[in-house]
């Protein structure tokens, strides 16, 4: 079977899809619809939800998140997803939509239903995140701060531990998976 044949069925995810991630069970995919070619503009954006079990595969929802989503991560169990958003933290302090920190939108996944349940402020210009192997921690790479924010996961609740650790350079992207 060749999975790379174009089936002439385009997916209208959202404006300027920047990243895509597939759930561990392979049933849904999420897209980070950046909307402004990789930078903040002060407007809300969306995460596209794609049903990979439908025939044909199609976009079934858009979840509203903060400005400039770039990174996406899904927990090892597939019950939580994260949208990592610059949220104006990459703009001059004089900009009307400047924020001192970026944002992490926590999305609950229940089958093909995805809903935003929380938002956490992290460092400047967060670009990626990974879950620990056991899913109990999340590490968010903050590019302009050259550090990781550490978040705690308990069931479907994600909280900021208040702990960051410095890096010798700037984390530009991150990927994680089974070890």
Protein backbone atom coordinates (compact mmCIF):
# COMPACT_ATOMS: atom_id res chain seq x y z
CA UNK A 1 0.00 0.00 0.00
CA UNK A 2 1.39 3.41 -0.96
CA UNK A 3 0.46 6.07 1.61
CA UNK A 4 1.93 8.89 -0.45
CA UNK A 5 -0.58 9.01 -3.28
CA UNK A 6 -2.40 12.32 -3.44
CA UNK A 7 -6.11 11.59 -3.00
CA UNK A 8 -7.24 15.05 -4.16
CA UNK A 9 -8.80 15.78 -0.77
CA UNK A 10 -7.26 18.90 0.77
CA UNK A 11 -7.68 19.64 4.48
CA UNK A 12 -8.59 23.25 5.35
CA UNK A 13 -6.95 23.19 8.78
CA UNK A 14 -6.51 26.91 9.42
CA UNK A 15 -4.34 29.85 8.41
CA UNK A 16 -0.64 28.99 8.02
CA UNK A 17 -0.49 25.52 9.61
CA UNK A 18 2.91 25.44 11.31
CA UNK A 19 3.10 22.01 12.93
CA UNK A 20 1.18 18.74 12.98
CA UNK A 21 1.14 15.92 15.51
CA UNK A 22 -0.70 12.56 15.56
CA UNK A 23 -2.21 11.03 18.70
CA UNK A 24 -0.60 7.83 20.02
CA UNK A 25 -3.63 5.77 18.92
CA UNK A 26 -3.46 7.27 15.40
CA UNK A 27 -7.09 8.40 15.45
CA UNK A 28 -6.67 12.19 15.38
CA UNK A 29 -4.09 14.73 14.30
CA UNK A 30 -3.70 18.31 15.49
CA UNK A 31 -2.33 21.27 13.55
CA UNK A 32 -0.93 24.50 15.03
CA UNK A 33 -2.48 27.14 12.78
CA UNK A 34 -0.07 30.04 13.29
CA UNK A 35 -1.93 32.52 11.10
CA UNK A 36 0.87 35.05 10.67
CA UNK A 37 3.82 33.28 9.05
CA UNK A 38 5.57 32.40 12.31
CA UNK A 39 5.18 35.52 14.42
CA UNK A 40 2.72 37.11 16.82
CA UNK A 41 0.13 39.63 15.66
CA UNK A 42 -2.14 39.90 18.72
CA UNK A 43 -4.99 37.82 17.31
CA UNK A 44 -6.40 34.53 18.60
CA UNK A 45 -5.44 31.46 16.58
CA UNK A 46 -6.60 27.86 16.32
CA UNK A 47 -5.62 24.24 16.62
CA UNK A 48 -7.13 22.17 13.82
CA UNK A 49 -8.51 18.75 14.77
CA UNK A 50 -8.36 16.12 12.02
CA UNK A 51 -10.29 12.84 12.23
CA UNK A 52 -7.92 10.24 10.78
CA UNK A 53 -10.55 7.47 11.05
CA UNK A 54 -13.09 9.23 8.80
CA UNK A 55 -13.40 8.36 5.13
CA UNK A 56 -12.32 10.69 3.76
CA UNK A 57 -10.03 12.09 6.45
CA UNK A 58 -11.31 15.55 7.39
CA UNK A 59 -11.05 18.52 9.75
CA UNK A 60 -13.76 18.17 12.41
CA UNK A 61 -13.06 21.09 14.74
CA UNK A 62 -10.96 24.17 15.50
CA UNK A 63 -9.96 24.93 19.10
CA UNK A 64 -9.22 28.59 19.86
CA UNK A 65 -5.84 29.29 21.51
CA UNK A 66 -3.62 32.30 22.13
CA UNK A 67 -1.52 34.13 19.56
CA UNK A 68 1.13 32.39 17.45
CA UNK A 69 0.98 28.66 18.25
CA UNK A 70 4.12 26.87 17.13
CA UNK A 71 4.85 23.73 19.09
CA UNK A 72 2.50 20.83 19.76
CA UNK A 73 2.88 17.86 22.10
CA UNK A 74 0.60 14.97 23.08
CA UNK A 75 0.93 13.01 26.33
CA UNK A 76 2.06 9.37 26.13
CA UNK A 77 -1.49 8.27 27.08
CA UNK A 78 -3.01 10.55 24.43
CA UNK A 79 -5.38 12.27 26.88
CA UNK A 80 -3.71 15.71 26.94
CA UNK A 81 -2.25 17.85 24.20
CA UNK A 82 -0.36 21.13 24.46
CA UNK A 83 -0.26 24.11 22.15
CA UNK A 84 2.87 26.21 22.68
CA UNK A 85 2.24 29.89 21.89
CA UNK A 86 4.53 32.94 21.61
CA UNK A 87 1.58 35.15 22.66
CA UNK A 88 3.44 38.38 21.90
CA UNK A 89 6.48 37.51 24.01
CA UNK A 90 8.64 37.76 20.88
CA UNK A 91 7.61 41.37 20.19
CA UNK A 92 8.99 44.73 21.38
CA UNK A 93 7.70 45.84 24.79
CA UNK A 94 6.11 48.84 23.03
CA UNK A 95 3.78 46.56 21.03
CA UNK A 96 0.15 46.67 22.19
CA UNK A 97 0.01 42.86 22.33
CA UNK A 98 3.38 42.27 24.05
CA UNK A 99 3.35 39.79 26.95
CA UNK A 100 6.31 39.09 29.20
CA UNK A 101 5.82 35.35 28.76
CA UNK A 102 4.41 32.96 26.22
CA UNK A 103 1.56 30.55 26.86
CA UNK A 104 0.85 26.84 26.97
CA UNK A 105 -2.75 25.90 26.21
CA UNK A 106 -3.70 22.57 27.77
CA UNK A 107 -6.12 20.60 25.59
CA UNK A 108 -8.12 17.62 26.85
CA UNK A 109 -8.56 14.79 24.35
CA UNK A 110 -11.56 12.49 24.68
CA UNK A 111 -11.80 10.36 21.55
CA UNK A 112 -12.12 12.85 18.70
CA UNK A 113 -13.26 15.66 21.01
CA UNK A 114 -10.57 18.23 21.88
CA UNK A 115 -11.22 21.15 24.25
CA UNK A 116 -9.03 23.79 25.89
CA UNK A 117 -9.11 23.31 29.67
CA UNK A 118 -6.27 25.50 30.96
CA UNK A 119 -3.62 28.02 30.04
CA UNK A 120 -0.22 28.44 31.72
CA UNK A 121 2.24 31.31 31.30
CA UNK A 122 5.82 30.22 30.59
CA UNK A 123 8.99 32.03 29.44
CA UNK A 124 9.66 34.23 26.44
CA UNK A 125 9.10 32.79 22.97
CA UNK A 126 8.30 29.18 23.86
CA UNK A 127 8.72 27.04 20.78
CA UNK A 128 8.41 23.42 21.79
CA UNK A 129 7.54 21.00 24.57
CA UNK A 130 8.04 17.35 25.43
CA UNK A 131 6.46 15.05 27.99
CA UNK A 132 8.65 12.91 30.23
CA UNK A 133 8.53 9.20 29.34
CA UNK A 134 6.05 8.49 32.15
CA UNK A 135 3.96 11.59 31.26
CA UNK A 136 4.31 13.17 34.72
CA UNK A 137 6.33 16.22 33.62
CA UNK A 138 6.39 18.58 30.66
CA UNK A 139 9.47 20.53 29.61
CA UNK A 140 8.76 23.71 27.63
CA UNK A 141 11.69 25.28 25.72
CA UNK A 142 11.76 29.08 26.08
CA UNK A 143 13.94 30.39 23.24
CA UNK A 144 14.61 33.96 24.40
CA UNK A 145 15.17 32.93 28.05
CA UNK A 146 17.44 29.99 27.10
CA UNK A 147 15.70 27.71 29.58
CA UNK A 148 13.05 25.06 30.15
CA UNK A 149 9.87 25.63 32.17
CA UNK A 150 8.92 22.49 34.12
CA UNK A 151 5.21 21.66 34.36
CA UNK A 152 3.61 18.94 36.49
CA UNK A 153 0.94 16.54 35.13
CA UNK A 154 -1.51 14.85 37.50
CA UNK A 155 -4.25 12.99 35.64
CA UNK A 156 -5.64 15.69 33.27
CA UNK A 157 -4.40 18.62 35.37
CA UNK A 158 -1.27 20.52 34.33
CA UNK A 159 0.33 23.06 36.70
CA UNK A 160 3.51 25.13 36.70
CA UNK A 161 6.11 23.85 39.19
CA UNK A 162 7.70 27.32 39.27
CA UNK A 163 11.01 25.67 38.38
CA UNK A 164 13.07 26.48 35.31
CA UNK A 165 16.50 25.29 34.36
CA UNK A 166 18.99 27.23 32.28
CA UNK A 167 20.50 25.90 29.08
CA UNK A 168 23.82 26.76 27.41
CA UNK A 169 21.90 27.78 24.28
CA UNK A 170 18.45 28.53 22.95
CA UNK A 171 16.01 25.60 22.52
CA UNK A 172 14.53 26.07 19.05
CA UNK A 173 12.51 22.87 18.73
CA UNK A 174 11.88 19.71 20.69
CA UNK A 175 10.63 16.22 20.01
CA UNK A 176 9.89 13.37 22.37
CA UNK A 177 8.49 9.90 22.22
CA UNK A 178 8.81 6.40 23.60
CA UNK A 179 12.26 5.63 24.92
